[in-house]
Amino acid sequence: MDVPVFAGMVAAVVFATANLPMVWKALRTHDVGSYSLGSIVMINGANAVYSLYVFSLPFGPIWLLHSFYLVASAIMLVLCLQQFHARERAGTPGTPPSRTRSRNASISA
């Protein structure tokens, strides 16, 4: 294995590891209220287009890193859409339902 490929593999592992806490917390709590739905949609669109380039390259570390980004951003998109629809059903756009209940409880007390 030559130095550039090894460096790419190390960088891919470091980048993916750095993103795991964010994705894990989002999966665990389902709270993605601090993320912009528009931004997550744009990231997913950019990842889809960038895939045309990445997957045209020979198999290597960039494939693994990009695949991780595809999965992580897709997870974040699904969670953002779920939270967006939950807000819509609760009738309070822009405020997650869990925060709405605690705010209403403190107002009525």
PDB file of N, CA and C in Angstrom:
ATOM      1  N   MET A   1       0.858  -1.172   0.000  1.00  0.00           N
ATOM      2  CA  MET A   1       0.000   0.000   0.000  1.00  0.00           C
ATOM      3  C   MET A   1       0.904   1.235   0.000  1.00  0.00           C
ATOM      4  N   ASP A   2       0.605   2.149  -0.918  1.00  0.00           N
ATOM      5  CA  ASP A   2       1.439   3.353  -0.977  1.00  0.00           C
ATOM      6  C   ASP A   2       0.938   4.424   0.004  1.00  0.00           C
ATOM      7  N   VAL A   3       1.746   5.451   0.209  1.00  0.00           N
ATOM      8  CA  VAL A   3       1.480   6.481   1.210  1.00  0.00           C
ATOM      9  C   VAL A   3       0.163   7.236   0.952  1.00  0.00           C
ATOM     10  N   PRO A   4      -0.138   7.677  -0.284  1.00  0.00           N
ATOM     11  CA  PRO A   4      -1.396   8.400  -0.493  1.00  0.00           C
ATOM     12  C   PRO A   4      -2.642   7.569  -0.151  1.00  0.00           C
ATOM     13  N   VAL A   5      -2.630   6.287  -0.492  1.00  0.00           N
ATOM     14  CA  VAL A   5      -3.787   5.441  -0.189  1.00  0.00           C
ATOM     15  C   VAL A   5      -3.903   5.240   1.320  1.00  0.00           C
ATOM     16  N   PHE A   6      -2.778   5.026   1.992  1.00  0.00           N
ATOM     17  CA  PHE A   6      -2.792   4.880   3.444  1.00  0.00           C
ATOM     18  C   PHE A   6      -3.300   6.166   4.106  1.00  0.00           C
ATOM     19  N   ALA A   7      -2.817   7.310   3.636  1.00  0.00           N
ATOM     20  CA  ALA A   7      -3.262   8.596   4.184  1.00  0.00           C
ATOM     21  C   ALA A   7      -4.764   8.777   3.958  1.00  0.00           C
ATOM     22  N   GLY A   8      -5.243   8.374   2.794  1.00  0.00           N
ATOM     23  CA  GLY A   8      -6.677   8.458   2.507  1.00  0.00           C
ATOM     24  C   GLY A   8      -7.493   7.581   3.432  1.00  0.00           C
ATOM     25  N   MET A   9      -6.994   6.400   3.729  1.00  0.00           N
ATOM     26  CA  MET A   9      -7.705   5.498   4.630  1.00  0.00           C
ATOM     27  C   MET A   9      -7.740   6.071   6.048  1.00  0.00           C
ATOM     28  N   VAL A  10      -6.621   6.596   6.506  1.00  0.00           N
ATOM     29  CA  VAL A  10      -6.575   7.181   7.845  1.00  0.00           C
ATOM     30  C   VAL A  10      -7.523   8.375   7.921  1.00  0.00           C
ATOM     31  N   ALA A  11      -7.491   9.242   6.911  1.00  0.00           N
ATOM     32  CA  ALA A  11      -8.366  10.416   6.896  1.00  0.00           C
ATOM     33  C   ALA A  11      -9.837   9.997   6.870  1.00  0.00           C
ATOM     34  N   ALA A  12     -10.175   8.986   6.095  1.00  0.00           N
ATOM     35  CA  ALA A  12     -11.558   8.512   6.023  1.00  0.00           C
ATOM     36  C   ALA A  12     -12.036   8.034   7.389  1.00  0.00           C
ATOM     37  N   VAL A  13     -11.202   7.298   8.095  1.00  0.00           N
ATOM     38  CA  VAL A  13     -11.574   6.805   9.422  1.00  0.00           C
ATOM     39  C   VAL A  13     -11.745   7.967  10.399  1.00  0.00           C
ATOM     40  N   VAL A  14     -10.836   8.944  10.347  1.00  0.00           N
ATOM     41  CA  VAL A  14     -10.916  10.092  11.256  1.00  0.00           C
ATOM     42  C   VAL A  14     -12.162  10.923  10.968  1.00  0.00           C
ATOM     43  N   PHE A  15     -12.444  11.223   9.697  1.00  0.00           N
ATOM     44  CA  PHE A  15     -13.631  12.002   9.344  1.00  0.00           C
ATOM     45  C   PHE A  15     -14.909  11.279   9.771  1.00  0.00           C
ATOM     46  N   ALA A  16     -14.985   9.994   9.490  1.00  0.00           N
ATOM     47  CA  ALA A  16     -16.182   9.232   9.851  1.00  0.00           C
ATOM     48  C   ALA A  16     -16.338   9.173  11.365  1.00  0.00           C
ATOM     49  N   THR A  17     -15.255   8.933  12.071  1.00  0.00           N
ATOM     50  CA  THR A  17     -15.307   8.873  13.534  1.00  0.00           C
ATOM     51  C   THR A  17     -15.739  10.205  14.131  1.00  0.00           C
ATOM     52  N   ALA A  18     -15.310  11.299  13.530  1.00  0.00           N
ATOM     53  CA  ALA A  18     -15.691  12.623  14.025  1.00  0.00           C
ATOM     54  C   ALA A  18     -17.184  12.884  13.860  1.00  0.00           C
ATOM     55  N   ASN A  19     -17.816  12.278  12.869  1.00  0.00           N
ATOM     56  CA  ASN A  19     -19.252  12.476  12.633  1.00  0.00           C
ATOM     57  C   ASN A  19     -20.132  11.495  13.389  1.00  0.00           C
ATOM     58  N   LEU A  20     -19.570  10.410  13.860  1.00  0.00           N
ATOM     59  CA  LEU A  20     -20.383   9.398  14.536  1.00  0.00           C
ATOM     60  C   LEU A  20     -21.126   9.918  15.770  1.00  0.00           C
ATOM     61  N   PRO A  21     -20.516  10.729  16.639  1.00  0.00           N
ATOM     62  CA  PRO A  21     -21.278  11.205  17.802  1.00  0.00           C
ATOM     63  C   PRO A  21     -22.535  11.987  17.421  1.00  0.00           C
ATOM     64  N   MET A  22     -22.453  12.820  16.383  1.00  0.00           N
ATOM     65  CA  MET A  22     -23.613  13.598  15.941  1.00  0.00           C
ATOM     66  C   MET A  22     -24.723  12.661  15.455  1.00  0.00           C
ATOM     67  N   VAL A  23     -24.356  11.709  14.621  1.00  0.00           N
ATOM     68  CA  VAL A  23     -25.359  10.793  14.063  1.00  0.00           C
ATOM     69  C   VAL A  23     -25.925   9.908  15.175  1.00  0.00           C
ATOM     70  N   TRP A  24     -25.072   9.422  16.070  1.00  0.00           N
ATOM     71  CA  TRP A  24     -25.535   8.568  17.160  1.00  0.00           C
ATOM     72  C   TRP A  24     -26.516   9.317  18.060  1.00  0.00           C
ATOM     73  N   LYS A  25     -26.174  10.562  18.417  1.00  0.00           N
ATOM     74  CA  LYS A  25     -27.060  11.351  19.272  1.00  0.00           C
ATOM     75  C   LYS A  25     -28.398  11.604  18.578  1.00  0.00           C
ATOM     76  N   ALA A  26     -28.357  11.919  17.301  1.00  0.00           N
ATOM     77  CA  ALA A  26     -29.598  12.160  16.551  1.00  0.00           C
ATOM     78  C   ALA A  26     -30.452  10.899  16.501  1.00  0.00           C
ATOM     79  N   LEU A  27     -29.822   9.751  16.307  1.00  0.00           N
ATOM     80  CA  LEU A  27     -30.574   8.493  16.285  1.00  0.00           C
ATOM     81  C   LEU A  27     -31.149   8.166  17.658  1.00  0.00           C
ATOM     82  N   ARG A  28     -30.381   8.426  18.699  1.00  0.00           N
ATOM     83  CA  ARG A  28     -30.801   8.106  20.060  1.00  0.00           C
ATOM     84  C   ARG A  28     -31.922   9.013  20.545  1.00  0.00           C
ATOM     85  N   THR A  29     -31.803  10.316  20.301  1.00  0.00           N
ATOM     86  CA  THR A  29     -32.761  11.273  20.851  1.00  0.00           C
ATOM     87  C   THR A  29     -33.869  11.668  19.884  1.00  0.00           C
ATOM     88  N   HIS A  30     -33.634  11.474  18.609  1.00  0.00           N
ATOM     89  CA  HIS A  30     -34.549  11.930  17.552  1.00  0.00           C
ATOM     90  C   HIS A  30     -34.762  13.441  17.613  1.00  0.00           C
ATOM     91  N   ASP A  31     -33.846  14.147  18.239  1.00  0.00           N
ATOM     92  CA  ASP A  31     -33.932  15.604  18.329  1.00  0.00           C
ATOM     93  C   ASP A  31     -32.922  16.218  17.368  1.00  0.00           C
ATOM     94  N   VAL A  32     -33.424  16.714  16.261  1.00  0.00           N
ATOM     95  CA  VAL A  32     -32.569  17.372  15.272  1.00  0.00           C
ATOM     96  C   VAL A  32     -33.039  18.808  15.067  1.00  0.00           C
ATOM     97  N   GLY A  33     -33.639  19.360  16.113  1.00  0.00           N
ATOM     98  CA  GLY A  33     -34.181  20.712  16.050  1.00  0.00           C
ATOM     99  C   GLY A  33     -33.137  21.773  15.783  1.00  0.00           C
ATOM    100  N   SER A  34     -31.879  21.483  16.086  1.00  0.00           N
ATOM    101  CA  SER A  34     -30.836  22.480  15.861  1.00  0.00           C
ATOM    102  C   SER A  34     -30.309  22.451  14.423  1.00  0.00           C
ATOM    103  N   TYR A  35     -30.792  21.520  13.611  1.00  0.00           N
ATOM    104  CA  TYR A  35     -30.349  21.424  12.225  1.00  0.00           C
ATOM    105  C   TYR A  35     -31.386  22.045  11.295  1.00  0.00           C
ATOM    106  N   SER A  36     -30.927  22.672  10.254  1.00  0.00           N
ATOM    107  CA  SER A  36     -31.800  23.279   9.260  1.00  0.00           C
ATOM    108  C   SER A  36     -32.220  22.218   8.244  1.00  0.00           C
ATOM    109  N   LEU A  37     -33.532  22.077   8.058  1.00  0.00           N
ATOM    110  CA  LEU A  37     -34.032  21.116   7.070  1.00  0.00           C
ATOM    111  C   LEU A  37     -33.511  21.464   5.682  1.00  0.00           C
ATOM    112  N   GLY A  38     -33.503  22.747   5.341  1.00  0.00           N
ATOM    113  CA  GLY A  38     -32.994  23.166   4.032  1.00  0.00           C
ATOM    114  C   GLY A  38     -31.539  22.785   3.829  1.00  0.00           C
ATOM    115  N   SER A  39     -30.750  22.944   4.861  1.00  0.00           N
ATOM    116  CA  SER A  39     -29.334  22.589   4.781  1.00  0.00           C
ATOM    117  C   SER A  39     -29.155  21.082   4.604  1.00  0.00           C
ATOM    118  N   ILE A  40     -29.911  20.307   5.347  1.00  0.00           N
ATOM    119  CA  ILE A  40     -29.815  18.843   5.236  1.00  0.00           C
ATOM    120  C   ILE A  40     -30.249  18.390   3.843  1.00  0.00           C
ATOM    121  N   VAL A  41     -31.287  19.008   3.289  1.00  0.00           N
ATOM    122  CA  VAL A  41     -31.732  18.669   1.930  1.00  0.00           C
ATOM    123  C   VAL A  41     -30.639  19.004   0.916  1.00  0.00           C
ATOM    124  N   MET A  42     -30.012  20.172   1.070  1.00  0.00           N
ATOM    125  CA  MET A  42     -28.935  20.565   0.148  1.00  0.00           C
ATOM    126  C   MET A  42     -27.744  19.622   0.256  1.00  0.00           C
ATOM    127  N   ILE A  43     -27.396  19.208   1.465  1.00  0.00           N
ATOM    128  CA  ILE A  43     -26.288  18.272   1.657  1.00  0.00           C
ATOM    129  C   ILE A  43     -26.578  16.957   0.948  1.00  0.00           C
ATOM    130  N   ASN A  44     -27.808  16.462   1.082  1.00  0.00           N
ATOM    131  CA  ASN A  44     -28.167  15.215   0.420  1.00  0.00           C
ATOM    132  C   ASN A  44     -28.134  15.355  -1.100  1.00  0.00           C
ATOM    133  N   GLY A  45     -28.603  16.483  -1.609  1.00  0.00           N
ATOM    134  CA  GLY A  45     -28.541  16.724  -3.053  1.00  0.00           C
ATOM    135  C   GLY A  45     -27.106  16.790  -3.548  1.00  0.00           C
ATOM    136  N   ALA A  46     -26.267  17.503  -2.811  1.00  0.00           N
ATOM    137  CA  ALA A  46     -24.857  17.604  -3.196  1.00  0.00           C
ATOM    138  C   ALA A  46     -24.183  16.239  -3.137  1.00  0.00           C
ATOM    139  N   ASN A  47     -24.494  15.451  -2.117  1.00  0.00           N
ATOM    140  CA  ASN A  47     -23.925  14.107  -2.015  1.00  0.00           C
ATOM    141  C   ASN A  47     -24.343  13.236  -3.194  1.00  0.00           C
ATOM    142  N   ALA A  48     -25.583  13.372  -3.622  1.00  0.00           N
ATOM    143  CA  ALA A  48     -26.062  12.585  -4.761  1.00  0.00           C
ATOM    144  C   ALA A  48     -25.301  12.943  -6.026  1.00  0.00           C
ATOM    145  N   VAL A  49     -25.115  14.231  -6.256  1.00  0.00           N
ATOM    146  CA  VAL A  49     -24.385  14.659  -7.454  1.00  0.00           C
ATOM    147  C   VAL A  49     -22.912  14.266  -7.353  1.00  0.00           C
ATOM    148  N   TYR A  50     -22.314  14.466  -6.183  1.00  0.00           N
ATOM    149  CA  TYR A  50     -20.904  14.144  -5.982  1.00  0.00           C
ATOM    150  C   TYR A  50     -20.654  12.647  -6.142  1.00  0.00           C
ATOM    151  N   SER A  51     -21.690  11.833  -5.873  1.00  0.00           N
ATOM    152  CA  SER A  51     -21.564  10.381  -6.044  1.00  0.00           C
ATOM    153  C   SER A  51     -21.219  10.012  -7.475  1.00  0.00           C
ATOM    154  N   LEU A  52     -21.731  10.786  -8.432  1.00  0.00           N
ATOM    155  CA  LEU A  52     -21.407  10.517  -9.837  1.00  0.00           C
ATOM    156  C   LEU A  52     -19.895  10.573 -10.068  1.00  0.00           C
ATOM    157  N   TYR A  53     -19.246  11.510  -9.413  1.00  0.00           N
ATOM    158  CA  TYR A  53     -17.788  11.636  -9.529  1.00  0.00           C
ATOM    159  C   TYR A  53     -17.074  10.553  -8.716  1.00  0.00           C
ATOM    160  N   VAL A  54     -17.438  10.421  -7.449  1.00  0.00           N
ATOM    161  CA  VAL A  54     -16.710   9.516  -6.554  1.00  0.00           C
ATOM    162  C   VAL A  54     -16.759   8.080  -7.054  1.00  0.00           C
ATOM    163  N   PHE A  55     -17.938   7.620  -7.450  1.00  0.00           N
ATOM    164  CA  PHE A  55     -18.066   6.229  -7.841  1.00  0.00           C
ATOM    165  C   PHE A  55     -17.560   5.962  -9.264  1.00  0.00           C
ATOM    166  N   SER A  56     -17.112   7.013  -9.951  1.00  0.00           N
ATOM    167  CA  SER A  56     -16.442   6.804 -11.240  1.00  0.00           C
ATOM    168  C   SER A  56     -14.945   6.573 -11.027  1.00  0.00           C
ATOM    169  N   LEU A  57     -14.454   6.868  -9.828  1.00  0.00           N
ATOM    170  CA  LEU A  57     -13.046   6.655  -9.493  1.00  0.00           C
ATOM    171  C   LEU A  57     -12.809   5.181  -9.169  1.00  0.00           C
ATOM    172  N   PRO A  58     -11.558   4.743  -9.253  1.00  0.00           N
ATOM    173  CA  PRO A  58     -11.260   3.371  -8.816  1.00  0.00           C
ATOM    174  C   PRO A  58     -11.591   3.212  -7.328  1.00  0.00           C
ATOM    175  N   PHE A  59     -11.960   1.990  -6.944  1.00  0.00           N
ATOM    176  CA  PHE A  59     -12.313   1.734  -5.553  1.00  0.00           C
ATOM    177  C   PHE A  59     -11.153   2.125  -4.643  1.00  0.00           C
ATOM    178  N   GLY A  60     -11.484   2.826  -3.583  1.00  0.00           N
ATOM    179  CA  GLY A  60     -10.459   3.238  -2.630  1.00  0.00           C
ATOM    180  C   GLY A  60     -11.091   3.885  -1.421  1.00  0.00           C
ATOM    181  N   PRO A  61     -10.276   4.517  -0.603  1.00  0.00           N
ATOM    182  CA  PRO A  61     -10.777   5.124   0.640  1.00  0.00           C
ATOM    183  C   PRO A  61     -11.881   6.153   0.414  1.00  0.00           C
ATOM    184  N   ILE A  62     -11.828   6.869  -0.694  1.00  0.00           N
ATOM    185  CA  ILE A  62     -12.850   7.901  -0.945  1.00  0.00           C
ATOM    186  C   ILE A  62     -14.232   7.268  -1.083  1.00  0.00           C
ATOM    187  N   TRP A  63     -14.303   6.057  -1.599  1.00  0.00           N
ATOM    188  CA  TRP A  63     -15.581   5.361  -1.706  1.00  0.00           C
ATOM    189  C   TRP A  63     -16.158   5.111  -0.313  1.00  0.00           C
ATOM    190  N   LEU A  64     -15.306   4.660   0.597  1.00  0.00           N
ATOM    191  CA  LEU A  64     -15.761   4.364   1.953  1.00  0.00           C
ATOM    192  C   LEU A  64     -16.210   5.628   2.663  1.00  0.00           C
ATOM    193  N   LEU A  65     -15.410   6.679   2.554  1.00  0.00           N
ATOM    194  CA  LEU A  65     -15.753   7.936   3.207  1.00  0.00           C
ATOM    195  C   LEU A  65     -17.049   8.505   2.632  1.00  0.00           C
ATOM    196  N   HIS A  66     -17.159   8.526   1.323  1.00  0.00           N
ATOM    197  CA  HIS A  66     -18.361   9.090   0.709  1.00  0.00           C
ATOM    198  C   HIS A  66     -19.594   8.245   1.031  1.00  0.00           C
ATOM    199  N   SER A  67     -19.425   6.940   1.065  1.00  0.00           N
ATOM    200  CA  SER A  67     -20.553   6.071   1.430  1.00  0.00           C
ATOM    201  C   SER A  67     -21.021   6.377   2.844  1.00  0.00           C
ATOM    202  N   PHE A  68     -20.080   6.602   3.749  1.00  0.00           N
ATOM    203  CA  PHE A  68     -20.443   6.974   5.111  1.00  0.00           C
ATOM    204  C   PHE A  68     -21.228   8.281   5.110  1.00  0.00           C
ATOM    205  N   TYR A  69     -20.736   9.284   4.362  1.00  0.00           N
ATOM    206  CA  TYR A  69     -21.432  10.571   4.297  1.00  0.00           C
ATOM    207  C   TYR A  69     -22.831  10.422   3.699  1.00  0.00           C
ATOM    208  N   LEU A  70     -22.966   9.564   2.694  1.00  0.00           N
ATOM    209  CA  LEU A  70     -24.291   9.332   2.106  1.00  0.00           C
ATOM    210  C   LEU A  70     -25.261   8.770   3.141  1.00  0.00           C
ATOM    211  N   VAL A  71     -24.814   7.770   3.872  1.00  0.00           N
ATOM    212  CA  VAL A  71     -25.681   7.140   4.874  1.00  0.00           C
ATOM    213  C   VAL A  71     -25.983   8.117   6.010  1.00  0.00           C
ATOM    214  N   ALA A  72     -24.957   8.801   6.521  1.00  0.00           N
ATOM    215  CA  ALA A  72     -25.149   9.731   7.642  1.00  0.00           C
ATOM    216  C   ALA A  72     -26.088  10.872   7.263  1.00  0.00           C
ATOM    217  N   SER A  73     -25.902  11.447   6.078  1.00  0.00           N
ATOM    218  CA  SER A  73     -26.771  12.559   5.690  1.00  0.00           C
ATOM    219  C   SER A  73     -28.190  12.079   5.390  1.00  0.00           C
ATOM    220  N   ALA A  74     -28.339  10.864   4.891  1.00  0.00           N
ATOM    221  CA  ALA A  74     -29.672  10.312   4.658  1.00  0.00           C
ATOM    222  C   ALA A  74     -30.394  10.079   5.993  1.00  0.00           C
ATOM    223  N   ILE A  75     -29.674   9.582   6.991  1.00  0.00           N
ATOM    224  CA  ILE A  75     -30.261   9.393   8.324  1.00  0.00           C
ATOM    225  C   ILE A  75     -30.722  10.730   8.880  1.00  0.00           C
ATOM    226  N   MET A  76     -29.863  11.742   8.767  1.00  0.00           N
ATOM    227  CA  MET A  76     -30.217  13.062   9.286  1.00  0.00           C
ATOM    228  C   MET A  76     -31.435  13.630   8.548  1.00  0.00           C
ATOM    229  N   LEU A  77     -31.526  13.390   7.236  1.00  0.00           N
ATOM    230  CA  LEU A  77     -32.674  13.862   6.468  1.00  0.00           C
ATOM    231  C   LEU A  77     -33.959  13.190   6.940  1.00  0.00           C
ATOM    232  N   VAL A  78     -33.921  11.889   7.126  1.00  0.00           N
ATOM    233  CA  VAL A  78     -35.107  11.165   7.587  1.00  0.00           C
ATOM    234  C   VAL A  78     -35.545  11.685   8.950  1.00  0.00           C
ATOM    235  N   LEU A  79     -34.588  11.871   9.864  1.00  0.00           N
ATOM    236  CA  LEU A  79     -34.934  12.372  11.190  1.00  0.00           C
ATOM    237  C   LEU A  79     -35.486  13.797  11.131  1.00  0.00           C
ATOM    238  N   CYS A  80     -34.898  14.651  10.278  1.00  0.00           N
ATOM    239  CA  CYS A  80     -35.400  16.025  10.134  1.00  0.00           C
ATOM    240  C   CYS A  80     -36.814  16.031   9.574  1.00  0.00           C
ATOM    241  N   LEU A  81     -37.072  15.187   8.582  1.00  0.00           N
ATOM    242  CA  LEU A  81     -38.417  15.127   8.009  1.00  0.00           C
ATOM    243  C   LEU A  81     -39.431  14.607   9.017  1.00  0.00           C
ATOM    244  N   GLN A  82     -39.037  13.609   9.809  1.00  0.00           N
ATOM    245  CA  GLN A  82     -39.941  13.108  10.848  1.00  0.00           C
ATOM    246  C   GLN A  82     -40.268  14.208  11.852  1.00  0.00           C
ATOM    247  N   GLN A  83     -39.256  14.952  12.266  1.00  0.00           N
ATOM    248  CA  GLN A  83     -39.485  16.015  13.246  1.00  0.00           C
ATOM    249  C   GLN A  83     -40.311  17.140  12.630  1.00  0.00           C
ATOM    250  N   PHE A  84     -40.059  17.460  11.364  1.00  0.00           N
ATOM    251  CA  PHE A  84     -40.830  18.492  10.677  1.00  0.00           C
ATOM    252  C   PHE A  84     -42.308  18.104  10.631  1.00  0.00           C
ATOM    253  N   HIS A  85     -42.587  16.849  10.284  1.00  0.00           N
ATOM    254  CA  HIS A  85     -43.977  16.388  10.215  1.00  0.00           C
ATOM    255  C   HIS A  85     -44.609  16.341  11.608  1.00  0.00           C
ATOM    256  N   ALA A  86     -43.837  16.012  12.630  1.00  0.00           N
ATOM    257  CA  ALA A  86     -44.365  16.014  14.002  1.00  0.00           C
ATOM    258  C   ALA A  86     -44.737  17.433  14.418  1.00  0.00           C
ATOM    259  N   ARG A  87     -43.931  18.414  14.017  1.00  0.00           N
ATOM    260  CA  ARG A  87     -44.250  19.816  14.313  1.00  0.00           C
ATOM    261  C   ARG A  87     -45.527  20.237  13.613  1.00  0.00           C
ATOM    262  N   GLU A  88     -45.667  19.815  12.368  1.00  0.00           N
ATOM    263  CA  GLU A  88     -46.858  20.148  11.589  1.00  0.00           C
ATOM    264  C   GLU A  88     -48.116  19.584  12.273  1.00  0.00           C
ATOM    265  N   ARG A  89     -48.025  18.328  12.724  1.00  0.00           N
ATOM    266  CA  ARG A  89     -49.172  17.701  13.388  1.00  0.00           C
ATOM    267  C   ARG A  89     -49.492  18.385  14.711  1.00  0.00           C
ATOM    268  N   ALA A  90     -48.454  18.867  15.395  1.00  0.00           N
ATOM    269  CA  ALA A  90     -48.664  19.531  16.685  1.00  0.00           C
ATOM    270  C   ALA A  90     -49.177  20.955  16.499  1.00  0.00           C
ATOM    271  N   GLY A  91     -49.072  21.471  15.293  1.00  0.00           N
ATOM    272  CA  GLY A  91     -49.559  22.813  15.003  1.00  0.00           C
ATOM    273  C   GLY A  91     -48.650  23.925  15.479  1.00  0.00           C
ATOM    274  N   THR A  92     -47.398  23.607  15.735  1.00  0.00           N
ATOM    275  CA  THR A  92     -46.444  24.624  16.171  1.00  0.00           C
ATOM    276  C   THR A  92     -45.211  24.583  15.282  1.00  0.00           C
ATOM    277  N   PRO A  93     -45.293  25.171  14.089  1.00  0.00           N
ATOM    278  CA  PRO A  93     -44.143  25.147  13.196  1.00  0.00           C
ATOM    279  C   PRO A  93     -42.950  25.843  13.834  1.00  0.00           C
ATOM    280  N   GLY A  94     -41.791  25.196  13.694  1.00  0.00           N
ATOM    281  CA  GLY A  94     -40.565  25.795  14.205  1.00  0.00           C
ATOM    282  C   GLY A  94     -40.209  25.394  15.620  1.00  0.00           C
ATOM    283  N   THR A  95     -41.120  24.749  16.346  1.00  0.00           N
ATOM    284  CA  THR A  95     -40.842  24.334  17.713  1.00  0.00           C
ATOM    285  C   THR A  95     -41.079  22.833  17.835  1.00  0.00           C
ATOM    286  N   PRO A  96     -40.074  22.075  18.283  1.00  0.00           N
ATOM    287  CA  PRO A  96     -40.289  20.632  18.451  1.00  0.00           C
ATOM    288  C   PRO A  96     -41.380  20.371  19.471  1.00  0.00           C
ATOM    289  N   PRO A  97     -42.187  19.329  19.283  1.00  0.00           N
ATOM    290  CA  PRO A  97     -43.295  19.029  20.192  1.00  0.00           C
ATOM    291  C   PRO A  97     -42.856  18.904  21.649  1.00  0.00           C
ATOM    292  N   SER A  98     -41.701  18.327  21.932  1.00  0.00           N
ATOM    293  CA  SER A  98     -41.272  18.161  23.325  1.00  0.00           C
ATOM    294  C   SER A  98     -41.047  19.511  23.985  1.00  0.00           C
ATOM    295  N   ARG A  99     -40.533  20.462  23.264  1.00  0.00           N
ATOM    296  CA  ARG A  99     -40.320  21.796  23.817  1.00  0.00           C
ATOM    297  C   ARG A  99     -41.641  22.536  23.989  1.00  0.00           C
ATOM    298  N   THR A 100     -42.601  22.286  23.111  1.00  0.00           N
ATOM    299  CA  THR A 100     -43.902  22.934  23.200  1.00  0.00           C
ATOM    300  C   THR A 100     -44.600  22.533  24.491  1.00  0.00           C
ATOM    301  N   ARG A 101     -44.584  21.240  24.827  1.00  0.00           N
ATOM    302  CA  ARG A 101     -45.233  20.762  26.043  1.00  0.00           C
ATOM    303  C   ARG A 101     -44.605  21.379  27.280  1.00  0.00           C
ATOM    304  N   SER A 102     -43.274  21.423  27.347  1.00  0.00           N
ATOM    305  CA  SER A 102     -42.635  21.956  28.545  1.00  0.00           C
ATOM    306  C   SER A 102     -42.887  23.456  28.676  1.00  0.00           C
ATOM    307  N   ARG A 103     -42.936  24.174  27.551  1.00  0.00           N
ATOM    308  CA  ARG A 103     -43.214  25.592  27.588  1.00  0.00           C
ATOM    309  C   ARG A 103     -44.640  25.861  28.051  1.00  0.00           C
ATOM    310  N   ASN A 104     -45.590  25.083  27.521  1.00  0.00           N
ATOM    311  CA  ASN A 104     -46.994  25.251  27.901  1.00  0.00           C
ATOM    312  C   ASN A 104     -47.200  24.896  29.367  1.00  0.00           C
ATOM    313  N   ALA A 105     -46.504  23.880  29.849  1.00  0.00           N
ATOM    314  CA  ALA A 105     -46.641  23.486  31.248  1.00  0.00           C
ATOM    315  C   ALA A 105     -46.141  24.582  32.171  1.00  0.00           C
ATOM    316  N   SER A 106     -45.038  25.247  31.791  1.00  0.00           N
ATOM    317  CA  SER A 106     -44.502  26.294  32.650  1.00  0.00           C
ATOM    318  C   SER A 106     -45.359  27.557  32.595  1.00  0.00           C
ATOM    319  N   ILE A 107     -46.040  27.804  31.488  1.00  0.00           N
ATOM    320  CA  ILE A 107     -46.900  28.977  31.353  1.00  0.00           C
ATOM    321  C   ILE A 107     -48.151  28.812  32.205  1.00  0.00           C
ATOM    322  N   SER A 108     -48.720  27.587  32.224  1.00  0.00           N
ATOM    323  CA  SER A 108     -49.950  27.378  32.957  1.00  0.00           C
ATOM    324  C   SER A 108     -49.724  27.268  34.456  1.00  0.00           C
ATOM    325  N   ALA A 109     -48.480  27.056  34.875  1.00  0.00           N
ATOM    326  CA  ALA A 109     -48.201  26.910  36.318  1.00  0.00           C
ATOM    327  C   ALA A 109     -48.127  28.222  37.050  1.00  0.00           C
TER     328      ALA A 109
END
